[in-house]
């Protein structure tokens, strides 16, 4: 019994710290209690191990002392419901019990299996076989309990890992949605950039055409300026000729009225030519401005 209790403690002490949480011991014992029990005594055992329910961790000596006290207390009070490592169901025993141990004596035989073996009225060979079978069953049962605890730990780890994976999936889903939104924005920006490039190319083309028109306009303006200079030179020349004619008129005795008349005619001719040139210049400038406005 002491070895079995030690095995249970070591099974619960998965990290080999020498201390085990009371809750883990209660959970393990609950797994070993026979089915159909109305009073498994777990609450009593829990109170004995952790009176104030502070989720204590106990060492092996304390554990063994309290467990032995609890098992002895239940035996003393006639409670047959004990952990499975202390009792065997009637469906197993008939194969190994001798003929002298009938159904009426099974409780006494079962109690003897957990206590004093010498009280059993069996032959040495039958007793040895029965003890060997009990040991094998105990070993198998303990191994199954250990495997069950390991599987439970693995399941808890798997549940924790699954929760983390779900959280990571949610995070990745949010990141994916954000990336999709950014990608859509990027595509929209690319379209806008392409549209701006086309608009810029069109503006540059119009600007180049306007520069050509401006150059032509400057060239025409220079030509008109040159023409005006020529007209001014002609006016100066006409005035000089007029002055010369005036002198000749005076010298030749021509009357002032004739000179004025000739001067007026010359000025009219000059004014007409000047007006014609200005009109041509204005018309040309107007045409150039209309062309520039159209572009």
C-alpha atoms as a PDB file:
ATOM      1  CA  UNK A   1       0.000   0.000   0.000  1.00  0.00           C
ATOM      2  CA  UNK A   2       2.858   2.376   0.834  1.00  0.00           C
ATOM      3  CA  UNK A   3       4.507   1.650  -2.525  1.00  0.00           C
ATOM      4  CA  UNK A   4       1.258   2.352  -4.332  1.00  0.00           C
ATOM      5  CA  UNK A   5       0.853   5.648  -2.501  1.00  0.00           C
ATOM      6  CA  UNK A   6       4.445   6.532  -3.400  1.00  0.00           C
ATOM      7  CA  UNK A   7       3.715   5.712  -7.035  1.00  0.00           C
ATOM      8  CA  UNK A   8       0.661   7.971  -7.006  1.00  0.00           C
ATOM      9  CA  UNK A   9       2.673  10.836  -5.499  1.00  0.00           C
ATOM     10  CA  UNK A  10       5.442  10.457  -8.071  1.00  0.00           C
ATOM     11  CA  UNK A  11       2.873  10.280 -10.847  1.00  0.00           C
ATOM     12  CA  UNK A  12       1.350  13.570  -9.717  1.00  0.00           C
ATOM     13  CA  UNK A  13       4.803  15.112  -9.183  1.00  0.00           C
ATOM     14  CA  UNK A  14       5.478  15.499 -12.901  1.00  0.00           C
ATOM     15  CA  UNK A  15       8.231  18.085 -12.345  1.00  0.00           C
ATOM     16  CA  UNK A  16       9.953  16.073  -9.558  1.00  0.00           C
ATOM     17  CA  UNK A  17       9.835  18.979  -7.089  1.00  0.00           C
ATOM     18  CA  UNK A  18       8.980  16.814  -4.066  1.00  0.00           C
ATOM     19  CA  UNK A  19       5.704  18.689  -3.585  1.00  0.00           C
ATOM     20  CA  UNK A  20       2.308  18.099  -5.193  1.00  0.00           C
ATOM     21  CA  UNK A  21      -0.754  20.331  -5.250  1.00  0.00           C
ATOM     22  CA  UNK A  22      -3.670  18.988  -3.206  1.00  0.00           C
ATOM     23  CA  UNK A  23      -6.027  19.623  -6.119  1.00  0.00           C
ATOM     24  CA  UNK A  24      -3.975  17.324  -8.338  1.00  0.00           C
ATOM     25  CA  UNK A  25      -4.032  14.542  -5.721  1.00  0.00           C
ATOM     26  CA  UNK A  26      -7.809  14.865  -5.332  1.00  0.00           C
ATOM     27  CA  UNK A  27      -8.217  14.741  -9.099  1.00  0.00           C
ATOM     28  CA  UNK A  28      -6.073  11.618  -9.351  1.00  0.00           C
ATOM     29  CA  UNK A  29      -7.901   9.842  -6.521  1.00  0.00           C
ATOM     30  CA  UNK A  30     -11.235  10.772  -8.109  1.00  0.00           C
ATOM     31  CA  UNK A  31     -10.146   8.973 -11.268  1.00  0.00           C
ATOM     32  CA  UNK A  32      -9.408   5.815  -9.266  1.00  0.00           C
ATOM     33  CA  UNK A  33     -12.675   5.698  -7.268  1.00  0.00           C
ATOM     34  CA  UNK A  34     -15.044   2.904  -8.345  1.00  0.00           C
ATOM     35  CA  UNK A  35     -18.103   3.992 -10.328  1.00  0.00           C
ATOM     36  CA  UNK A  36     -21.534   4.122  -8.650  1.00  0.00           C
ATOM     37  CA  UNK A  37     -20.313   5.499  -5.316  1.00  0.00           C
ATOM     38  CA  UNK A  38     -22.629   7.801  -3.439  1.00  0.00           C
ATOM     39  CA  UNK A  39     -19.975   8.843  -0.919  1.00  0.00           C
ATOM     40  CA  UNK A  40     -16.467   8.664  -2.290  1.00  0.00           C
ATOM     41  CA  UNK A  41     -15.077  10.633   0.663  1.00  0.00           C
ATOM     42  CA  UNK A  42     -13.225  13.061  -1.605  1.00  0.00           C
ATOM     43  CA  UNK A  43     -14.501  16.092   0.280  1.00  0.00           C
ATOM     44  CA  UNK A  44     -13.324  14.546   3.540  1.00  0.00           C
ATOM     45  CA  UNK A  45      -9.915  13.773   2.017  1.00  0.00           C
ATOM     46  CA  UNK A  46      -9.682  17.272   0.573  1.00  0.00           C
ATOM     47  CA  UNK A  47     -10.422  18.746   4.012  1.00  0.00           C
ATOM     48  CA  UNK A  48      -7.775  16.530   5.614  1.00  0.00           C
ATOM     49  CA  UNK A  49      -5.141  17.513   3.019  1.00  0.00           C
ATOM     50  CA  UNK A  50      -6.049  21.213   2.828  1.00  0.00           C
ATOM     51  CA  UNK A  51      -8.271  22.244   5.779  1.00  0.00           C
ATOM     52  CA  UNK A  52      -8.431  25.934   4.834  1.00  0.00           C
ATOM     53  CA  UNK A  53      -8.747  25.240   1.099  1.00  0.00           C
ATOM     54  CA  UNK A  54      -5.761  27.442   0.204  1.00  0.00           C
ATOM     55  CA  UNK A  55      -4.660  25.231  -2.695  1.00  0.00           C
ATOM     56  CA  UNK A  56      -1.640  23.958  -0.778  1.00  0.00           C
ATOM     57  CA  UNK A  57       1.204  21.800  -2.031  1.00  0.00           C
ATOM     58  CA  UNK A  58       2.321  19.003   0.308  1.00  0.00           C
ATOM     59  CA  UNK A  59       5.398  16.776   0.532  1.00  0.00           C
ATOM     60  CA  UNK A  60       5.436  12.977   0.358  1.00  0.00           C
ATOM     61  CA  UNK A  61       5.566  12.340   4.130  1.00  0.00           C
ATOM     62  CA  UNK A  62       2.529  14.511   4.815  1.00  0.00           C
ATOM     63  CA  UNK A  63       0.739  12.960   1.848  1.00  0.00           C
ATOM     64  CA  UNK A  64       1.407   9.369   2.985  1.00  0.00           C
ATOM     65  CA  UNK A  65       0.365  10.035   6.563  1.00  0.00           C
ATOM     66  CA  UNK A  66      -2.927  11.670   5.621  1.00  0.00           C
ATOM     67  CA  UNK A  67      -3.757   9.133   2.894  1.00  0.00           C
ATOM     68  CA  UNK A  68      -3.134   6.197   5.234  1.00  0.00           C
ATOM     69  CA  UNK A  69      -5.255   7.869   7.891  1.00  0.00           C
ATOM     70  CA  UNK A  70      -8.064   8.467   5.375  1.00  0.00           C
ATOM     71  CA  UNK A  71      -8.003   4.861   4.061  1.00  0.00           C
ATOM     72  CA  UNK A  72      -7.900   3.409   7.573  1.00  0.00           C
ATOM     73  CA  UNK A  73     -10.744   5.674   8.639  1.00  0.00           C
ATOM     74  CA  UNK A  74     -12.939   4.464   5.780  1.00  0.00           C
ATOM     75  CA  UNK A  75     -12.107   0.828   6.511  1.00  0.00           C
ATOM     76  CA  UNK A  76     -12.828   1.279  10.191  1.00  0.00           C
ATOM     77  CA  UNK A  77     -16.215   2.826   9.410  1.00  0.00           C
ATOM     78  CA  UNK A  78     -17.106  -0.077   7.116  1.00  0.00           C
ATOM     79  CA  UNK A  79     -16.862   1.946   3.887  1.00  0.00           C
ATOM     80  CA  UNK A  80     -15.884  -0.413   1.116  1.00  0.00           C
ATOM     81  CA  UNK A  81     -15.541   2.290  -1.552  1.00  0.00           C
ATOM     82  CA  UNK A  82     -11.790   2.827  -1.796  1.00  0.00           C
ATOM     83  CA  UNK A  83      -9.502   3.799  -4.653  1.00  0.00           C
ATOM     84  CA  UNK A  84      -9.292   1.132  -7.338  1.00  0.00           C
ATOM     85  CA  UNK A  85      -5.731   0.344  -6.410  1.00  0.00           C
ATOM     86  CA  UNK A  86      -7.068  -0.922  -3.031  1.00  0.00           C
ATOM     87  CA  UNK A  87     -10.097  -2.890  -4.280  1.00  0.00           C
ATOM     88  CA  UNK A  88     -10.980  -5.175  -7.202  1.00  0.00           C
ATOM     89  CA  UNK A  89     -14.419  -5.630  -8.778  1.00  0.00           C
ATOM     90  CA  UNK A  90     -16.217  -8.945  -8.395  1.00  0.00           C
ATOM     91  CA  UNK A  91     -16.067  -9.518 -12.157  1.00  0.00           C
ATOM     92  CA  UNK A  92     -12.297 -10.029 -11.956  1.00  0.00           C
ATOM     93  CA  UNK A  93     -11.967 -12.048  -8.789  1.00  0.00           C
ATOM     94  CA  UNK A  94     -13.813 -15.321  -9.638  1.00  0.00           C
ATOM     95  CA  UNK A  95     -11.073 -16.267 -12.065  1.00  0.00           C
ATOM     96  CA  UNK A  96      -8.378 -16.070  -9.388  1.00  0.00           C
ATOM     97  CA  UNK A  97     -10.235 -16.936  -6.166  1.00  0.00           C
ATOM     98  CA  UNK A  98      -9.958 -20.555  -4.949  1.00  0.00           C
ATOM     99  CA  UNK A  99     -13.039 -22.762  -4.772  1.00  0.00           C
ATOM    100  CA  UNK A 100     -13.207 -22.360  -1.007  1.00  0.00           C
ATOM    101  CA  UNK A 101     -13.779 -18.624  -1.268  1.00  0.00           C
ATOM    102  CA  UNK A 102     -17.414 -18.390  -2.383  1.00  0.00           C
ATOM    103  CA  UNK A 103     -19.515 -15.286  -3.040  1.00  0.00           C
ATOM    104  CA  UNK A 104     -20.511 -15.016   0.604  1.00  0.00           C
ATOM    105  CA  UNK A 105     -16.838 -14.771   1.573  1.00  0.00           C
ATOM    106  CA  UNK A 106     -15.746 -12.355  -1.167  1.00  0.00           C
ATOM    107  CA  UNK A 107     -15.888  -9.216   1.008  1.00  0.00           C
ATOM    108  CA  UNK A 108     -13.648 -10.916   3.566  1.00  0.00           C
ATOM    109  CA  UNK A 109     -11.294 -12.020   0.788  1.00  0.00           C
ATOM    110  CA  UNK A 110     -11.211  -8.531  -0.688  1.00  0.00           C
ATOM    111  CA  UNK A 111     -10.434  -7.017   2.686  1.00  0.00           C
ATOM    112  CA  UNK A 112      -7.691  -9.570   3.112  1.00  0.00           C
ATOM    113  CA  UNK A 113      -6.143  -8.527  -0.229  1.00  0.00           C
ATOM    114  CA  UNK A 114      -5.606  -5.035   1.131  1.00  0.00           C
ATOM    115  CA  UNK A 115      -4.537  -6.183   4.573  1.00  0.00           C
ATOM    116  CA  UNK A 116      -3.059  -9.341   6.026  1.00  0.00           C
ATOM    117  CA  UNK A 117      -2.589 -11.980   3.302  1.00  0.00           C
ATOM    118  CA  UNK A 118      -2.007 -14.704   5.930  1.00  0.00           C
ATOM    119  CA  UNK A 119      -5.707 -14.589   6.867  1.00  0.00           C
ATOM    120  CA  UNK A 120      -6.667 -16.106   3.502  1.00  0.00           C
ATOM    121  CA  UNK A 121      -7.384 -19.816   3.663  1.00  0.00           C
ATOM    122  CA  UNK A 122      -5.553 -20.649   0.422  1.00  0.00           C
ATOM    123  CA  UNK A 123      -2.807 -22.987  -0.594  1.00  0.00           C
ATOM    124  CA  UNK A 124       0.675 -21.594  -1.070  1.00  0.00           C
ATOM    125  CA  UNK A 125       0.514 -21.969  -4.829  1.00  0.00           C
ATOM    126  CA  UNK A 126      -2.938 -20.451  -5.146  1.00  0.00           C
ATOM    127  CA  UNK A 127      -1.942 -17.610  -2.816  1.00  0.00           C
ATOM    128  CA  UNK A 128       1.204 -16.933  -4.841  1.00  0.00           C
ATOM    129  CA  UNK A 129      -0.749 -16.923  -8.112  1.00  0.00           C
ATOM    130  CA  UNK A 130      -3.383 -14.620  -6.694  1.00  0.00           C
ATOM    131  CA  UNK A 131      -0.799 -12.192  -5.306  1.00  0.00           C
ATOM    132  CA  UNK A 132       1.017 -12.249  -8.642  1.00  0.00           C
ATOM    133  CA  UNK A 133      -2.214 -11.504 -10.509  1.00  0.00           C
ATOM    134  CA  UNK A 134      -3.068  -8.723  -8.071  1.00  0.00           C
ATOM    135  CA  UNK A 135       0.385  -7.196  -8.518  1.00  0.00           C
ATOM    136  CA  UNK A 136       0.051  -7.367 -12.295  1.00  0.00           C
ATOM    137  CA  UNK A 137      -3.373  -5.792 -12.169  1.00  0.00           C
ATOM    138  CA  UNK A 138      -2.157  -3.078  -9.816  1.00  0.00           C
ATOM    139  CA  UNK A 139       0.817  -2.349 -12.052  1.00  0.00           C
ATOM    140  CA  UNK A 140      -1.376  -2.252 -15.161  1.00  0.00           C
ATOM    141  CA  UNK A 141      -3.934  -0.057 -13.457  1.00  0.00           C
ATOM    142  CA  UNK A 142      -1.306   2.384 -12.198  1.00  0.00           C
ATOM    143  CA  UNK A 143       0.285   2.510 -15.635  1.00  0.00           C
ATOM    144  CA  UNK A 144      -3.101   3.267 -17.157  1.00  0.00           C
ATOM    145  CA  UNK A 145      -3.664   6.002 -14.597  1.00  0.00           C
ATOM    146  CA  UNK A 146      -0.260   7.487 -15.370  1.00  0.00           C
ATOM    147  CA  UNK A 147      -1.051   7.380 -19.081  1.00  0.00           C
ATOM    148  CA  UNK A 148      -4.397   9.004 -18.371  1.00  0.00           C
ATOM    149  CA  UNK A 149      -2.726  11.821 -16.428  1.00  0.00           C
ATOM    150  CA  UNK A 150      -0.200  12.308 -19.228  1.00  0.00           C
ATOM    151  CA  UNK A 151      -2.961  12.339 -21.818  1.00  0.00           C
ATOM    152  CA  UNK A 152      -4.901  14.842 -19.766  1.00  0.00           C
ATOM    153  CA  UNK A 153      -1.812  17.050 -19.517  1.00  0.00           C
ATOM    154  CA  UNK A 154      -1.298  16.697 -23.258  1.00  0.00           C
ATOM    155  CA  UNK A 155      -4.932  17.594 -23.868  1.00  0.00           C
ATOM    156  CA  UNK A 156      -4.610  20.693 -21.686  1.00  0.00           C
ATOM    157  CA  UNK A 157      -1.471  21.685 -23.577  1.00  0.00           C
ATOM    158  CA  UNK A 158      -3.270  21.034 -26.866  1.00  0.00           C
ATOM    159  CA  UNK A 159      -6.233  23.152 -25.733  1.00  0.00           C
ATOM    160  CA  UNK A 160      -3.882  25.951 -24.731  1.00  0.00           C
ATOM    161  CA  UNK A 161      -2.021  25.664 -28.024  1.00  0.00           C
ATOM    162  CA  UNK A 162      -5.326  25.626 -29.894  1.00  0.00           C
ATOM    163  CA  UNK A 163      -6.431  28.795 -28.081  1.00  0.00           C
ATOM    164  CA  UNK A 164      -3.146  30.470 -29.015  1.00  0.00           C
ATOM    165  CA  UNK A 165      -3.545  29.322 -32.611  1.00  0.00           C
ATOM    166  CA  UNK A 166      -7.090  30.701 -32.721  1.00  0.00           C
ATOM    167  CA  UNK A 167      -5.794  33.998 -31.353  1.00  0.00           C
ATOM    168  CA  UNK A 168      -2.994  34.016 -33.920  1.00  0.00           C
ATOM    169  CA  UNK A 169      -5.482  33.197 -36.693  1.00  0.00           C
ATOM    170  CA  UNK A 170      -7.670  36.117 -35.597  1.00  0.00           C
ATOM    171  CA  UNK A 171      -4.625  38.403 -35.565  1.00  0.00           C
ATOM    172  CA  UNK A 172      -3.526  37.180 -38.996  1.00  0.00           C
ATOM    173  CA  UNK A 173      -7.072  37.628 -40.312  1.00  0.00           C
ATOM    174  CA  UNK A 174      -7.085  41.230 -39.121  1.00  0.00           C
ATOM    175  CA  UNK A 175      -3.656  41.781 -40.673  1.00  0.00           C
ATOM    176  CA  UNK A 176      -4.900  40.197 -43.911  1.00  0.00           C
ATOM    177  CA  UNK A 177      -7.933  42.478 -44.001  1.00  0.00           C
ATOM    178  CA  UNK A 178      -5.688  45.491 -43.328  1.00  0.00           C
ATOM    179  CA  UNK A 179      -3.320  44.353 -46.081  1.00  0.00           C
ATOM    180  CA  UNK A 180      -6.234  43.959 -48.494  1.00  0.00           C
ATOM    181  CA  UNK A 181      -7.444  47.481 -47.686  1.00  0.00           C
ATOM    182  CA  UNK A 182      -3.924  48.854 -48.179  1.00  0.00           C
ATOM    183  CA  UNK A 183      -3.616  46.931 -51.441  1.00  0.00           C
ATOM    184  CA  UNK A 184      -6.878  48.406 -52.695  1.00  0.00           C
ATOM    185  CA  UNK A 185      -5.696  51.875 -51.712  1.00  0.00           C
ATOM    186  CA  UNK A 186      -2.403  51.232 -53.473  1.00  0.00           C
ATOM    187  CA  UNK A 187      -4.209  50.189 -56.660  1.00  0.00           C
ATOM    188  CA  UNK A 188      -6.402  53.289 -56.449  1.00  0.00           C
ATOM    189  CA  UNK A 189      -3.334  55.497 -55.975  1.00  0.00           C
ATOM    190  CA  UNK A 190      -1.661  53.851 -58.956  1.00  0.00           C
ATOM    191  CA  UNK A 191      -4.695  54.643 -61.114  1.00  0.00           C
ATOM    192  CA  UNK A 192      -4.692  58.240 -59.881  1.00  0.00           C
ATOM    193  CA  UNK A 193      -0.957  58.534 -60.589  1.00  0.00           C
ATOM    194  CA  UNK A 194      -1.438  57.216 -64.120  1.00  0.00           C
ATOM    195  CA  UNK A 195      -4.248  59.721 -64.679  1.00  0.00           C
ATOM    196  CA  UNK A 196      -2.047  62.532 -63.357  1.00  0.00           C
ATOM    197  CA  UNK A 197       0.765  61.419 -65.654  1.00  0.00           C
ATOM    198  CA  UNK A 198      -1.552  61.570 -68.653  1.00  0.00           C
ATOM    199  CA  UNK A 199      -2.813  64.996 -67.601  1.00  0.00           C
ATOM    200  CA  UNK A 200       0.753  66.212 -67.072  1.00  0.00           C
ATOM    201  CA  UNK A 201       1.803  64.956 -70.506  1.00  0.00           C
ATOM    202  CA  UNK A 202      -1.143  66.787 -72.060  1.00  0.00           C
ATOM    203  CA  UNK A 203      -0.289  69.981 -70.176  1.00  0.00           C
ATOM    204  CA  UNK A 204       3.359  69.712 -71.213  1.00  0.00           C
ATOM    205  CA  UNK A 205       2.291  69.256 -74.832  1.00  0.00           C
ATOM    206  CA  UNK A 206       0.059  72.324 -74.637  1.00  0.00           C
ATOM    207  CA  UNK A 207       2.846  74.240 -72.919  1.00  0.00           C
ATOM    208  CA  UNK A 208       5.273  73.338 -75.700  1.00  0.00           C
ATOM    209  CA  UNK A 209       2.749  74.468 -78.318  1.00  0.00           C
ATOM    210  CA  UNK A 210       2.211  77.719 -76.410  1.00  0.00           C
ATOM    211  CA  UNK A 211       5.971  78.294 -76.319  1.00  0.00           C
ATOM    212  CA  UNK A 212       6.098  77.887 -80.089  1.00  0.00           C
ATOM    213  CA  UNK A 213       3.284  80.427 -80.473  1.00  0.00           C
ATOM    214  CA  UNK A 214       5.016  82.811 -78.068  1.00  0.00           C
ATOM    215  CA  UNK A 215       8.212  82.571 -80.062  1.00  0.00           C
ATOM    216  CA  UNK A 216       6.305  83.284 -83.258  1.00  0.00           C
ATOM    217  CA  UNK A 217       4.542  86.189 -81.560  1.00  0.00           C
ATOM    218  CA  UNK A 218       7.860  87.631 -80.402  1.00  0.00           C
ATOM    219  CA  UNK A 219       9.231  87.254 -83.888  1.00  0.00           C
ATOM    220  CA  UNK A 220       6.209  89.054 -85.373  1.00  0.00           C
ATOM    221  CA  UNK A 221       6.477  91.729 -82.713  1.00  0.00           C
ATOM    222  CA  UNK A 222      10.102  92.311 -83.601  1.00  0.00           C
ATOM    223  CA  UNK A 223       9.113  92.555 -87.257  1.00  0.00           C
ATOM    224  CA  UNK A 224       6.407  95.097 -86.445  1.00  0.00           C
ATOM    225  CA  UNK A 225       8.850  97.049 -84.306  1.00  0.00           C
ATOM    226  CA  UNK A 226      11.265  97.075 -87.193  1.00  0.00           C
ATOM    227  CA  UNK A 227       8.496  98.282 -89.497  1.00  0.00           C
ATOM    228  CA  UNK A 228       7.605 101.054 -87.066  1.00  0.00           C
ATOM    229  CA  UNK A 229      11.238 102.101 -86.937  1.00  0.00           C
ATOM    230  CA  UNK A 230      11.286 102.186 -90.720  1.00  0.00           C
ATOM    231  CA  UNK A 231       8.100 104.289 -90.761  1.00  0.00           C
ATOM    232  CA  UNK A 232       9.550 106.651 -88.213  1.00  0.00           C
ATOM    233  CA  UNK A 233      12.641 106.992 -90.359  1.00  0.00           C
ATOM    234  CA  UNK A 234      10.407 107.713 -93.347  1.00  0.00           C
ATOM    235  CA  UNK A 235       8.488 110.316 -91.327  1.00  0.00           C
ATOM    236  CA  UNK A 236      11.760 111.955 -90.377  1.00  0.00           C
ATOM    237  CA  UNK A 237      12.813 111.804 -93.996  1.00  0.00           C
ATOM    238  CA  UNK A 238       9.482 113.304 -95.080  1.00  0.00           C
ATOM    239  CA  UNK A 239       9.829 116.049 -92.546  1.00  0.00           C
ATOM    240  CA  UNK A 240      13.317 116.683 -93.786  1.00  0.00           C
ATOM    241  CA  UNK A 241      12.011 116.790 -97.328  1.00  0.00           C
ATOM    242  CA  UNK A 242       9.227 119.046 -96.162  1.00  0.00           C
ATOM    243  CA  UNK A 243      11.735 121.356 -94.601  1.00  0.00           C
ATOM    244  CA  UNK A 244      13.751 121.276 -97.785  1.00  0.00           C
ATOM    245  CA  UNK A 245      10.645 122.021 -99.815  1.00  0.00           C
ATOM    246  CA  UNK A 246       9.777 124.860 -97.516  1.00  0.00           C
ATOM    247  CA  UNK A 247      13.154 126.344 -98.121  1.00  0.00           C
ATOM    248  CA  UNK A 248      12.769 125.833-101.827  1.00  0.00           C
ATOM    249  CA  UNK A 249       9.312 127.378-101.662  1.00  0.00           C
ATOM    250  CA  UNK A 250      10.647 130.371 -99.933  1.00  0.00           C
ATOM    251  CA  UNK A 251      13.467 130.573-102.327  1.00  0.00           C
ATOM    252  CA  UNK A 252      11.250 130.068-105.336  1.00  0.00           C
ATOM    253  CA  UNK A 253       8.592 132.395-104.074  1.00  0.00           C
ATOM    254  CA  UNK A 254       5.940 129.749-103.644  1.00  0.00           C
ATOM    255  CA  UNK A 255       3.164 130.925-101.413  1.00  0.00           C
ATOM    256  CA  UNK A 256       2.681 129.634 -97.904  1.00  0.00           C
ATOM    257  CA  UNK A 257      -0.636 128.175 -98.806  1.00  0.00           C
ATOM    258  CA  UNK A 258       0.903 125.872-101.350  1.00  0.00           C
ATOM    259  CA  UNK A 259       3.517 124.744 -98.878  1.00  0.00           C
ATOM    260  CA  UNK A 260       0.905 124.026 -96.213  1.00  0.00           C
ATOM    261  CA  UNK A 261      -1.157 122.141 -98.704  1.00  0.00           C
ATOM    262  CA  UNK A 262       1.806 120.021 -99.746  1.00  0.00           C
ATOM    263  CA  UNK A 263       2.730 119.487 -96.107  1.00  0.00           C
ATOM    264  CA  UNK A 264      -0.787 118.393 -95.254  1.00  0.00           C
ATOM    265  CA  UNK A 265      -0.786 116.008 -98.159  1.00  0.00           C
ATOM    266  CA  UNK A 266       2.528 114.558 -97.066  1.00  0.00           C
ATOM    267  CA  UNK A 267       1.353 114.231 -93.461  1.00  0.00           C
ATOM    268  CA  UNK A 268      -1.884 112.645 -94.651  1.00  0.00           C
ATOM    269  CA  UNK A 269       0.093 110.158 -96.694  1.00  0.00           C
ATOM    270  CA  UNK A 270       2.388 109.480 -93.746  1.00  0.00           C
ATOM    271  CA  UNK A 271      -0.553 109.182 -91.366  1.00  0.00           C
ATOM    272  CA  UNK A 272      -2.352 106.876 -93.762  1.00  0.00           C
ATOM    273  CA  UNK A 273       0.679 104.633 -94.076  1.00  0.00           C
ATOM    274  CA  UNK A 274       1.236 104.762 -90.331  1.00  0.00           C
ATOM    275  CA  UNK A 275      -2.406 103.897 -89.660  1.00  0.00           C
ATOM    276  CA  UNK A 276      -2.241 101.100 -92.170  1.00  0.00           C
ATOM    277  CA  UNK A 277       0.848  99.635 -90.493  1.00  0.00           C
ATOM    278  CA  UNK A 278      -0.683  99.959 -87.030  1.00  0.00           C
ATOM    279  CA  UNK A 279      -3.881  98.368 -88.246  1.00  0.00           C
ATOM    280  CA  UNK A 280      -1.924  95.484 -89.757  1.00  0.00           C
ATOM    281  CA  UNK A 281       0.029  95.100 -86.519  1.00  0.00           C
ATOM    282  CA  UNK A 282      -3.096  95.171 -84.370  1.00  0.00           C
ATOM    283  CA  UNK A 283      -4.867  92.654 -86.604  1.00  0.00           C
ATOM    284  CA  UNK A 284      -1.865  90.360 -86.473  1.00  0.00           C
ATOM    285  CA  UNK A 285      -1.598  90.660 -82.694  1.00  0.00           C
ATOM    286  CA  UNK A 286      -5.313  89.987 -82.371  1.00  0.00           C
ATOM    287  CA  UNK A 287      -5.026  86.844 -84.493  1.00  0.00           C
ATOM    288  CA  UNK A 288      -2.061  85.618 -82.440  1.00  0.00           C
ATOM    289  CA  UNK A 289      -3.893  86.229 -79.150  1.00  0.00           C
ATOM    290  CA  UNK A 290      -6.953  84.370 -80.412  1.00  0.00           C
ATOM    291  CA  UNK A 291      -4.748  81.445 -81.414  1.00  0.00           C
ATOM    292  CA  UNK A 292      -3.081  81.419 -77.971  1.00  0.00           C
ATOM    293  CA  UNK A 293      -6.480  81.586 -76.244  1.00  0.00           C
ATOM    294  CA  UNK A 294      -7.724  78.595 -78.219  1.00  0.00           C
ATOM    295  CA  UNK A 295      -4.800  76.450 -76.879  1.00  0.00           C
END
